[in-house]
Amino acid sequence: MMMHFNFFKYLYFILFLFASCEKVITLPIEMNDSKVIIEANITDQPGPYFVIGTKDTLKHTSGGIYKTNRIRGVYGNTYYLEVKVDGKMYTAQTTMPMKVNLDSLRINSFPVNGENRYSIIPVYQDPVVLGNSYRFIQKINDSLDGIYNIFNDNLNNGKINQRPLNNGTETLSVKLFDSVSVEMQCISPATHLYFYSLSQQSGAGPGGGTAPSNPPNNIIGGALGLFSAHTSQTKVIRIVNK
């Protein structure tokens, strides 16, 4: 769990207007309350997890990060979070979804301006029951692709996935001979909404994104961040000529 404390003071912008005379305009910006940021995750992989669990007290490691001692992530279980900061209590709860297997990774190639571009398609069978959500984290040659790849089954419920991941950015894209690692997370609806909201603000949304705001989360008490219980599985593929 990471807790950051951000303090904002009055900022003054001085605008010099050059016209018939010089004027100085001071614009005070209202002070924002300091906010606690909590990032807590529990997965189905071996611990420790950086989250408070059922009657498990976290041990501080460094840099505001705390780790569990006994708790383990299990599909279908609900987990509760309590964080106390300066006498104020923050709480959250989340349920770990059932795991949907990541069967394989497929390479999707397409021509752009006379050259081949590549993207990765995670292959998995979405369950017949509606309501599954997924997050994919892509690394290209060990460099993290920061674009949010957030899927759900609203349009392709019960089908084999055919949607490619984003093929990167201008500075980091999937190219021939690259090694691409993809982590698939089965996430809760609250986690899907949180990351989908971030994707709309980051430039990955329609029209280049929306105006920044605090994404909706599942933490009660006014803190920013998210408490997520999700599955995790990773596969690696190398881009080669066929």
C-alpha atoms as a PDB file:
ATOM      1  CA  MET A   1       0.000   0.000   0.000  1.00  0.00           C
ATOM      2  CA  MET A   2       1.408   3.368  -0.914  1.00  0.00           C
ATOM      3  CA  MET A   3       0.278   6.483   0.877  1.00  0.00           C
ATOM      4  CA  HIS A   4       1.299   9.872  -0.470  1.00  0.00           C
ATOM      5  CA  PHE A   5       0.501  13.196   1.085  1.00  0.00           C
ATOM      6  CA  ASN A   6       0.155  16.110  -1.284  1.00  0.00           C
ATOM      7  CA  PHE A   7      -0.085  19.631   0.032  1.00  0.00           C
ATOM      8  CA  PHE A   8      -1.157  22.509  -2.199  1.00  0.00           C
ATOM      9  CA  LYS A   9      -0.628  26.122  -1.239  1.00  0.00           C
ATOM     10  CA  TYR A  10      -1.845  29.274  -2.848  1.00  0.00           C
ATOM     11  CA  LEU A  11      -0.323  29.755  -6.245  1.00  0.00           C
ATOM     12  CA  TYR A  12      -0.066  33.167  -7.737  1.00  0.00           C
ATOM     13  CA  PHE A  13       0.185  33.775 -11.420  1.00  0.00           C
ATOM     14  CA  ILE A  14       1.469  37.187 -12.496  1.00  0.00           C
ATOM     15  CA  LEU A  15       0.366  38.142 -15.914  1.00  0.00           C
ATOM     16  CA  PHE A  16       2.077  41.052 -17.612  1.00  0.00           C
ATOM     17  CA  LEU A  17      -0.045  42.734 -20.195  1.00  0.00           C
ATOM     18  CA  PHE A  18       1.742  44.935 -22.656  1.00  0.00           C
ATOM     19  CA  ALA A  19      -0.620  47.442 -24.195  1.00  0.00           C
ATOM     20  CA  SER A  20      -0.894  51.168 -23.700  1.00  0.00           C
ATOM     21  CA  CYS A  21       0.319  50.558 -20.146  1.00  0.00           C
ATOM     22  CA  GLU A  22       1.621  47.686 -18.065  1.00  0.00           C
ATOM     23  CA  LYS A  23      -0.695  45.993 -15.573  1.00  0.00           C
ATOM     24  CA  VAL A  24      -0.040  43.277 -13.034  1.00  0.00           C
ATOM     25  CA  ILE A  25      -2.898  40.856 -12.362  1.00  0.00           C
ATOM     26  CA  THR A  26      -2.656  38.421  -9.441  1.00  0.00           C
ATOM     27  CA  LEU A  27      -4.860  35.336  -9.613  1.00  0.00           C
ATOM     28  CA  PRO A  28      -5.122  33.384  -6.339  1.00  0.00           C
ATOM     29  CA  ILE A  29      -6.028  29.707  -6.638  1.00  0.00           C
ATOM     30  CA  GLU A  30      -8.030  28.213  -3.819  1.00  0.00           C
ATOM     31  CA  MET A  31      -6.188  25.866  -1.487  1.00  0.00           C
ATOM     32  CA  ASN A  32      -7.006  22.183  -1.964  1.00  0.00           C
ATOM     33  CA  ASP A  33      -7.219  19.863   1.002  1.00  0.00           C
ATOM     34  CA  SER A  34      -4.331  17.441   1.271  1.00  0.00           C
ATOM     35  CA  LYS A  35      -5.275  13.976  -0.012  1.00  0.00           C
ATOM     36  CA  VAL A  36      -4.151  10.517   0.988  1.00  0.00           C
ATOM     37  CA  ILE A  37      -3.441   8.162  -1.928  1.00  0.00           C
ATOM     38  CA  ILE A  38      -3.897   4.442  -1.222  1.00  0.00           C
ATOM     39  CA  GLU A  39      -2.838   1.836  -3.768  1.00  0.00           C
ATOM     40  CA  ALA A  40      -3.620  -1.648  -2.440  1.00  0.00           C
ATOM     41  CA  ASN A  41      -3.545  -4.870  -4.446  1.00  0.00           C
ATOM     42  CA  ILE A  42      -4.093  -8.537  -3.688  1.00  0.00           C
ATOM     43  CA  THR A  43      -3.748 -11.250  -6.342  1.00  0.00           C
ATOM     44  CA  ASP A  44      -4.007 -15.017  -6.702  1.00  0.00           C
ATOM     45  CA  GLN A  45      -0.211 -15.222  -6.964  1.00  0.00           C
ATOM     46  CA  PRO A  46       2.084 -16.080  -4.006  1.00  0.00           C
ATOM     47  CA  GLY A  47       2.392 -13.214  -1.508  1.00  0.00           C
ATOM     48  CA  PRO A  48       3.293 -11.068   0.220  1.00  0.00           C
ATOM     49  CA  TYR A  49       0.588  -8.637  -0.895  1.00  0.00           C
ATOM     50  CA  PHE A  50       0.694  -4.951  -0.214  1.00  0.00           C
ATOM     51  CA  VAL A  51      -2.708  -4.655   1.441  1.00  0.00           C
ATOM     52  CA  ILE A  52      -4.406  -5.128   4.801  1.00  0.00           C
ATOM     53  CA  GLY A  53      -6.372  -8.362   4.973  1.00  0.00           C
ATOM     54  CA  THR A  54      -8.637 -10.154   7.372  1.00  0.00           C
ATOM     55  CA  LYS A  55      -6.948  -9.745  10.759  1.00  0.00           C
ATOM     56  CA  ASP A  56      -3.532  -9.335   9.152  1.00  0.00           C
ATOM     57  CA  THR A  57      -1.338  -6.425  10.182  1.00  0.00           C
ATOM     58  CA  LEU A  58       1.011  -5.000   7.579  1.00  0.00           C
ATOM     59  CA  LYS A  59       4.699  -4.464   8.121  1.00  0.00           C
ATOM     60  CA  HIS A  60       6.299  -1.305   6.789  1.00  0.00           C
ATOM     61  CA  THR A  61       9.141  -1.964   4.353  1.00  0.00           C
ATOM     62  CA  SER A  62      10.232   1.407   2.960  1.00  0.00           C
ATOM     63  CA  GLY A  63       8.899   4.422   1.109  1.00  0.00           C
ATOM     64  CA  GLY A  64       5.398   4.116   2.571  1.00  0.00           C
ATOM     65  CA  ILE A  65       4.979   0.517   1.337  1.00  0.00           C
ATOM     66  CA  TYR A  66       3.464  -2.090   3.666  1.00  0.00           C
ATOM     67  CA  LYS A  67       3.351  -5.853   3.092  1.00  0.00           C
ATOM     68  CA  THR A  68       1.161  -8.648   4.438  1.00  0.00           C
ATOM     69  CA  ASN A  69       2.284 -11.595   6.520  1.00  0.00           C
ATOM     70  CA  ARG A  70      -0.404 -14.277   6.207  1.00  0.00           C
ATOM     71  CA  ILE A  71      -3.197 -13.315   3.833  1.00  0.00           C
ATOM     72  CA  ARG A  72      -3.703 -15.109   0.504  1.00  0.00           C
ATOM     73  CA  GLY A  73      -5.844 -14.202  -2.492  1.00  0.00           C
ATOM     74  CA  VAL A  74      -8.595 -16.707  -3.362  1.00  0.00           C
ATOM     75  CA  TYR A  75     -11.180 -16.470  -6.163  1.00  0.00           C
ATOM     76  CA  GLY A  76     -14.583 -15.350  -4.952  1.00  0.00           C
ATOM     77  CA  ASN A  77     -13.330 -14.129  -1.576  1.00  0.00           C
ATOM     78  CA  THR A  78     -14.133 -10.608  -0.384  1.00  0.00           C
ATOM     79  CA  TYR A  79     -11.362  -8.598   1.267  1.00  0.00           C
ATOM     80  CA  TYR A  80     -11.642  -5.601   3.540  1.00  0.00           C
ATOM     81  CA  LEU A  81      -9.205  -2.737   3.908  1.00  0.00           C
ATOM     82  CA  GLU A  82      -8.756  -0.383   6.868  1.00  0.00           C
ATOM     83  CA  VAL A  83      -6.181   2.381   6.895  1.00  0.00           C
ATOM     84  CA  LYS A  84      -5.814   4.903   9.690  1.00  0.00           C
ATOM     85  CA  VAL A  85      -3.897   8.112   8.978  1.00  0.00           C
ATOM     86  CA  ASP A  86      -3.642  10.937  11.508  1.00  0.00           C
ATOM     87  CA  GLY A  87      -6.680   9.647  13.355  1.00  0.00           C
ATOM     88  CA  LYS A  88      -8.853   9.355  10.235  1.00  0.00           C
ATOM     89  CA  MET A  89     -10.098   5.971   9.014  1.00  0.00           C
ATOM     90  CA  TYR A  90     -10.283   4.903   5.367  1.00  0.00           C
ATOM     91  CA  THR A  91     -12.072   1.682   4.408  1.00  0.00           C
ATOM     92  CA  ALA A  92     -12.684  -0.343   1.271  1.00  0.00           C
ATOM     93  CA  GLN A  93     -13.779  -3.779   0.169  1.00  0.00           C
ATOM     94  CA  THR A  94     -13.291  -5.787  -3.000  1.00  0.00           C
ATOM     95  CA  THR A  95     -14.018  -9.292  -4.276  1.00  0.00           C
ATOM     96  CA  MET A  96     -11.552 -11.294  -6.379  1.00  0.00           C
ATOM     97  CA  PRO A  97     -13.210 -12.465  -9.640  1.00  0.00           C
ATOM     98  CA  MET A  98     -12.885 -15.995 -10.940  1.00  0.00           C
ATOM     99  CA  LYS A  99      -9.859 -16.526 -13.160  1.00  0.00           C
ATOM    100  CA  VAL A 100     -10.268 -16.617 -16.937  1.00  0.00           C
ATOM    101  CA  ASN A 101      -7.298 -18.417 -18.464  1.00  0.00           C
ATOM    102  CA  LEU A 102      -4.945 -16.566 -20.795  1.00  0.00           C
ATOM    103  CA  ASP A 103      -4.490 -19.298 -23.404  1.00  0.00           C
ATOM    104  CA  SER A 104      -1.892 -17.650 -25.651  1.00  0.00           C
ATOM    105  CA  LEU A 105      -0.719 -14.471 -27.360  1.00  0.00           C
ATOM    106  CA  ARG A 106      -1.211 -13.908 -31.077  1.00  0.00           C
ATOM    107  CA  ILE A 107       0.626 -11.437 -33.311  1.00  0.00           C
ATOM    108  CA  ASN A 108      -1.471  -9.091 -35.417  1.00  0.00           C
ATOM    109  CA  SER A 109       0.468  -7.447 -38.278  1.00  0.00           C
ATOM    110  CA  PHE A 110      -0.809  -4.650 -40.501  1.00  0.00           C
ATOM    111  CA  PRO A 111       0.800  -2.321 -43.078  1.00  0.00           C
ATOM    112  CA  VAL A 112       1.259   1.381 -42.350  1.00  0.00           C
ATOM    113  CA  ASN A 113       2.965   3.633 -44.941  1.00  0.00           C
ATOM    114  CA  GLY A 114       4.643   0.692 -46.602  1.00  0.00           C
ATOM    115  CA  GLU A 115       5.951  -0.973 -43.453  1.00  0.00           C
ATOM    116  CA  ASN A 116       4.580  -3.621 -41.146  1.00  0.00           C
ATOM    117  CA  ARG A 117       3.279  -2.675 -37.706  1.00  0.00           C
ATOM    118  CA  TYR A 118       2.461  -5.145 -34.966  1.00  0.00           C
ATOM    119  CA  SER A 119       0.067  -5.519 -32.074  1.00  0.00           C
ATOM    120  CA  ILE A 120      -0.635  -8.356 -29.675  1.00  0.00           C
ATOM    121  CA  ILE A 121      -3.966 -10.172 -29.286  1.00  0.00           C
ATOM    122  CA  PRO A 122      -4.422 -11.980 -25.958  1.00  0.00           C
ATOM    123  CA  VAL A 123      -6.345 -15.201 -26.645  1.00  0.00           C
ATOM    124  CA  TYR A 124      -8.872 -16.196 -23.973  1.00  0.00           C
ATOM    125  CA  GLN A 125     -12.394 -17.593 -23.826  1.00  0.00           C
ATOM    126  CA  ASP A 126     -14.761 -15.193 -22.115  1.00  0.00           C
ATOM    127  CA  PRO A 127     -17.262 -17.057 -19.860  1.00  0.00           C
ATOM    128  CA  VAL A 128     -20.926 -17.275 -20.834  1.00  0.00           C
ATOM    129  CA  VAL A 129     -21.938 -15.387 -17.686  1.00  0.00           C
ATOM    130  CA  LEU A 130     -21.996 -11.642 -18.408  1.00  0.00           C
ATOM    131  CA  GLY A 131     -19.984  -9.240 -16.278  1.00  0.00           C
ATOM    132  CA  ASN A 132     -16.284 -10.085 -16.742  1.00  0.00           C
ATOM    133  CA  SER A 133     -13.683  -7.313 -16.865  1.00  0.00           C
ATOM    134  CA  TYR A 134     -10.008  -7.415 -17.779  1.00  0.00           C
ATOM    135  CA  ARG A 135      -6.883  -5.293 -17.578  1.00  0.00           C
ATOM    136  CA  PHE A 136      -3.780  -5.983 -19.683  1.00  0.00           C
ATOM    137  CA  ILE A 137      -0.321  -4.648 -18.820  1.00  0.00           C
ATOM    138  CA  GLN A 138       2.121  -4.753 -21.716  1.00  0.00           C
ATOM    139  CA  LYS A 139       5.921  -4.561 -21.562  1.00  0.00           C
ATOM    140  CA  ILE A 140       7.971  -4.154 -24.720  1.00  0.00           C
ATOM    141  CA  ASN A 141      11.553  -5.354 -24.195  1.00  0.00           C
ATOM    142  CA  ASP A 142      11.040  -4.867 -20.430  1.00  0.00           C
ATOM    143  CA  SER A 143       9.839  -1.266 -20.942  1.00  0.00           C
ATOM    144  CA  LEU A 144       6.362  -0.660 -19.550  1.00  0.00           C
ATOM    145  CA  ASP A 145       3.768   0.527 -22.048  1.00  0.00           C
ATOM    146  CA  GLY A 146       1.807   3.018 -19.947  1.00  0.00           C
ATOM    147  CA  ILE A 147      -1.344   2.912 -22.092  1.00  0.00           C
ATOM    148  CA  TYR A 148      -4.413   1.470 -20.355  1.00  0.00           C
ATOM    149  CA  ASN A 149      -5.767  -1.669 -22.034  1.00  0.00           C
ATOM    150  CA  ILE A 150      -9.135  -2.174 -20.317  1.00  0.00           C
ATOM    151  CA  PHE A 151     -11.695  -4.644 -21.684  1.00  0.00           C
ATOM    152  CA  ASN A 152     -15.049  -6.026 -20.603  1.00  0.00           C
ATOM    153  CA  ASP A 153     -17.542  -8.438 -22.172  1.00  0.00           C
ATOM    154  CA  ASN A 154     -20.388  -6.048 -22.927  1.00  0.00           C
ATOM    155  CA  LEU A 155     -19.984  -6.597 -26.684  1.00  0.00           C
ATOM    156  CA  ASN A 156     -18.399 -10.057 -26.942  1.00  0.00           C
ATOM    157  CA  ASN A 157     -19.772 -12.010 -24.015  1.00  0.00           C
ATOM    158  CA  GLY A 158     -19.008 -15.734 -24.168  1.00  0.00           C
ATOM    159  CA  LYS A 159     -16.698 -15.422 -27.186  1.00  0.00           C
ATOM    160  CA  ILE A 160     -12.983 -15.887 -27.847  1.00  0.00           C
ATOM    161  CA  ASN A 161     -11.273 -12.513 -27.619  1.00  0.00           C
ATOM    162  CA  GLN A 162     -10.249 -10.924 -30.938  1.00  0.00           C
ATOM    163  CA  ARG A 163      -9.322  -7.454 -29.697  1.00  0.00           C
ATOM    164  CA  PRO A 164      -5.666  -6.387 -30.038  1.00  0.00           C
ATOM    165  CA  LEU A 165      -3.814  -4.428 -27.407  1.00  0.00           C
ATOM    166  CA  ASN A 166      -2.602  -0.951 -28.254  1.00  0.00           C
ATOM    167  CA  ASN A 167       0.582  -1.305 -30.299  1.00  0.00           C
ATOM    168  CA  GLY A 168       2.415   1.283 -28.212  1.00  0.00           C
ATOM    169  CA  THR A 169       3.167   4.977 -28.465  1.00  0.00           C
ATOM    170  CA  GLU A 170       5.337   7.178 -30.652  1.00  0.00           C
ATOM    171  CA  THR A 171       8.305   6.544 -28.372  1.00  0.00           C
ATOM    172  CA  LEU A 172       7.563   2.895 -27.522  1.00  0.00           C
ATOM    173  CA  SER A 173       5.928   0.603 -30.070  1.00  0.00           C
ATOM    174  CA  VAL A 174       5.935  -3.078 -30.970  1.00  0.00           C
ATOM    175  CA  LYS A 175       8.513  -3.794 -33.710  1.00  0.00           C
ATOM    176  CA  LEU A 176      10.048  -6.780 -35.435  1.00  0.00           C
ATOM    177  CA  PHE A 177      12.225  -8.916 -33.103  1.00  0.00           C
ATOM    178  CA  ASP A 178      10.782  -7.271 -29.983  1.00  0.00           C
ATOM    179  CA  SER A 179       9.963  -9.386 -26.942  1.00  0.00           C
ATOM    180  CA  VAL A 180       6.520  -8.513 -25.577  1.00  0.00           C
ATOM    181  CA  SER A 181       5.279  -9.509 -22.135  1.00  0.00           C
ATOM    182  CA  VAL A 182       1.543  -9.324 -21.388  1.00  0.00           C
ATOM    183  CA  GLU A 183       0.013  -9.612 -17.924  1.00  0.00           C
ATOM    184  CA  MET A 184      -3.699 -10.410 -17.902  1.00  0.00           C
ATOM    185  CA  GLN A 185      -5.697  -9.392 -14.839  1.00  0.00           C
ATOM    186  CA  CYS A 186      -9.309 -10.405 -14.187  1.00  0.00           C
ATOM    187  CA  ILE A 187     -10.625  -7.378 -12.334  1.00  0.00           C
ATOM    188  CA  SER A 188     -13.748  -6.271 -10.483  1.00  0.00           C
ATOM    189  CA  PRO A 189     -16.295  -3.825 -11.970  1.00  0.00           C
ATOM    190  CA  ALA A 190     -15.029  -1.080  -9.606  1.00  0.00           C
ATOM    191  CA  THR A 191     -11.448  -1.614 -10.797  1.00  0.00           C
ATOM    192  CA  HIS A 192     -12.609  -1.584 -14.426  1.00  0.00           C
ATOM    193  CA  LEU A 193     -14.403   1.736 -13.902  1.00  0.00           C
ATOM    194  CA  TYR A 194     -11.342   3.241 -12.190  1.00  0.00           C
ATOM    195  CA  PHE A 195      -8.880   2.354 -14.963  1.00  0.00           C
ATOM    196  CA  TYR A 196     -11.373   3.057 -17.742  1.00  0.00           C
ATOM    197  CA  SER A 197     -11.840   6.561 -16.300  1.00  0.00           C
ATOM    198  CA  LEU A 198      -8.065   7.026 -16.240  1.00  0.00           C
ATOM    199  CA  SER A 199      -7.818   5.869 -19.842  1.00  0.00           C
ATOM    200  CA  GLN A 200     -10.321   8.539 -20.915  1.00  0.00           C
ATOM    201  CA  GLN A 201      -8.208  11.213 -19.227  1.00  0.00           C
ATOM    202  CA  SER A 202      -4.800  10.053 -20.419  1.00  0.00           C
ATOM    203  CA  GLY A 203      -5.167  10.728 -24.131  1.00  0.00           C
ATOM    204  CA  ALA A 204      -6.194   7.143 -24.854  1.00  0.00           C
ATOM    205  CA  GLY A 205      -9.823   8.143 -24.938  1.00  0.00           C
ATOM    206  CA  PRO A 206     -11.915   9.582 -27.779  1.00  0.00           C
ATOM    207  CA  GLY A 207     -10.657  12.924 -29.020  1.00  0.00           C
ATOM    208  CA  GLY A 208      -7.425  12.642 -27.048  1.00  0.00           C
ATOM    209  CA  GLY A 209      -8.949  12.269 -23.594  1.00  0.00           C
ATOM    210  CA  THR A 210     -11.160  14.260 -21.262  1.00  0.00           C
ATOM    211  CA  ALA A 211     -10.439  16.933 -18.680  1.00  0.00           C
ATOM    212  CA  PRO A 212      -8.529  15.471 -15.704  1.00  0.00           C
ATOM    213  CA  SER A 213     -10.525  14.653 -12.582  1.00  0.00           C
ATOM    214  CA  ASN A 214     -10.338  12.172  -9.734  1.00  0.00           C
ATOM    215  CA  PRO A 215     -11.454   8.763 -11.057  1.00  0.00           C
ATOM    216  CA  PRO A 216     -14.227   7.009  -9.105  1.00  0.00           C
ATOM    217  CA  ASN A 217     -12.837   4.501  -6.621  1.00  0.00           C
ATOM    218  CA  ASN A 218     -13.931   2.086  -3.892  1.00  0.00           C
ATOM    219  CA  ILE A 219     -12.195   3.749  -0.929  1.00  0.00           C
ATOM    220  CA  ILE A 220     -14.538   5.344   1.620  1.00  0.00           C
ATOM    221  CA  GLY A 221     -13.264   8.357   3.534  1.00  0.00           C
ATOM    222  CA  GLY A 222     -12.036  10.692   0.830  1.00  0.00           C
ATOM    223  CA  ALA A 223      -8.727   9.076  -0.152  1.00  0.00           C
ATOM    224  CA  LEU A 224      -7.595   8.737  -3.753  1.00  0.00           C
ATOM    225  CA  GLY A 225      -6.407   5.457  -5.263  1.00  0.00           C
ATOM    226  CA  LEU A 226      -7.867   1.954  -5.409  1.00  0.00           C
ATOM    227  CA  PHE A 227      -8.160  -1.328  -3.511  1.00  0.00           C
ATOM    228  CA  SER A 228      -8.096  -4.180  -6.052  1.00  0.00           C
ATOM    229  CA  ALA A 229      -8.267  -7.961  -5.725  1.00  0.00           C
ATOM    230  CA  HIS A 230      -7.495  -9.519  -9.103  1.00  0.00           C
ATOM    231  CA  THR A 231      -6.009 -12.583 -10.771  1.00  0.00           C
ATOM    232  CA  SER A 232      -2.697 -12.358 -12.579  1.00  0.00           C
ATOM    233  CA  GLN A 233      -1.093 -14.399 -15.354  1.00  0.00           C
ATOM    234  CA  THR A 234       1.690 -13.470 -17.768  1.00  0.00           C
ATOM    235  CA  LYS A 235       2.855 -14.734 -21.145  1.00  0.00           C
ATOM    236  CA  VAL A 236       5.701 -13.603 -23.419  1.00  0.00           C
ATOM    237  CA  ILE A 237       5.920 -13.590 -27.216  1.00  0.00           C
ATOM    238  CA  ARG A 238       8.643 -12.547 -29.636  1.00  0.00           C
ATOM    239  CA  ILE A 239       7.911 -10.744 -32.914  1.00  0.00           C
ATOM    240  CA  VAL A 240       9.508 -12.710 -35.756  1.00  0.00           C
ATOM    241  CA  ASN A 241       9.218 -12.997 -39.522  1.00  0.00           C
ATOM    242  CA  LYS A 242       6.946 -15.751 -40.794  1.00  0.00           C
END
